[in-house]
Protein backbone atom coordinates (compact mmCIF):
# COMPACT_ATOMS: atom_id res chain seq x y z
CA MET A 1 0.00 0.00 0.00
CA ILE A 2 1.19 3.50 -0.79
CA ASP A 3 2.24 5.63 2.14
CA TYR A 4 0.23 8.76 1.35
CA PHE A 5 1.92 10.81 4.06
CA ALA A 6 5.40 10.24 2.59
CA LEU A 7 4.14 10.95 -0.90
CA ALA A 8 2.41 14.18 0.19
CA LEU A 9 5.39 15.29 2.27
CA THR A 10 7.84 15.03 -0.63
CA HIS A 11 5.52 16.87 -2.98
CA VAL A 12 4.90 19.65 -0.47
CA LEU A 13 8.64 20.08 0.05
CA ILE A 14 9.18 20.32 -3.70
CA VAL A 15 6.45 22.97 -3.98
CA ILE A 16 7.98 24.96 -1.10
CA ALA A 17 11.40 24.86 -2.76
CA LEU A 18 9.96 26.02 -6.10
CA LEU A 19 8.05 28.86 -4.47
CA ARG A 20 11.15 30.03 -2.63
CA ILE A 21 13.10 30.05 -5.90
CA LEU A 22 10.38 31.90 -7.81
CA VAL A 23 10.00 34.73 -5.28
CA ARG A 24 13.69 35.59 -5.24
CA PRO A 25 14.20 39.23 -6.26
CA ASP A 26 17.35 38.54 -8.27
CA LEU A 27 15.72 35.90 -10.47
CA ASP A 28 15.00 38.18 -13.45
CA ARG A 29 17.59 40.89 -12.91
CA GLU A 30 20.59 40.95 -15.21
CA ASP A 31 22.10 44.14 -13.82
CA LEU A 32 23.36 42.26 -10.76
CA VAL A 33 26.02 40.52 -12.85
CA THR A 34 29.35 42.27 -12.41
CA ALA A 35 31.71 43.14 -15.22
CA ASP A 36 34.28 40.65 -13.89
CA GLU A 37 31.83 37.78 -14.32
CA VAL A 38 31.11 38.77 -17.92
CA ALA A 39 34.79 39.26 -18.81
CA GLU A 40 36.75 36.56 -20.55
CA PRO A 41 36.37 33.07 -19.11
CA LYS A 42 39.05 31.64 -16.89
CA THR A 43 41.39 29.16 -18.50
CA GLY A 44 42.46 26.10 -16.64
CA ARG A 45 45.85 24.46 -16.38
CA ARG A 46 45.01 22.13 -19.25
CA ASP A 47 44.36 25.05 -21.61
CA ALA A 48 47.60 26.73 -20.53
CA ARG A 49 49.57 23.53 -21.23
CA HIS A 50 48.04 23.28 -24.70
CA ALA A 51 48.86 26.90 -25.41
CA ARG A 52 52.49 26.40 -24.33
CA ARG A 53 52.78 23.22 -26.38
CA ASN A 54 51.35 24.95 -29.45
CA ARG A 55 53.77 27.87 -29.04
CA LYS A 56 56.74 25.49 -28.78
CA SER A 57 55.72 23.59 -31.90
CA THR A 58 55.38 26.80 -33.93
CA ASP A 59 58.72 28.13 -32.62
CA ASP A 60 60.49 24.92 -33.72
CA ALA A 61 59.18 25.15 -37.27
């Protein structure tokens, strides 16, 4: 038999979470993004290694 209390509890918690997300004031505001966040993306160590390897191969040629 289905445990209706557990089923209702999980659905109520999901609805509460959705309502809390939807009433956030910064949900539809794009002016809160800073210029640093929009600037060029950060490169990781892997990208830096590839860039160094590519520079070495073009210097050798």
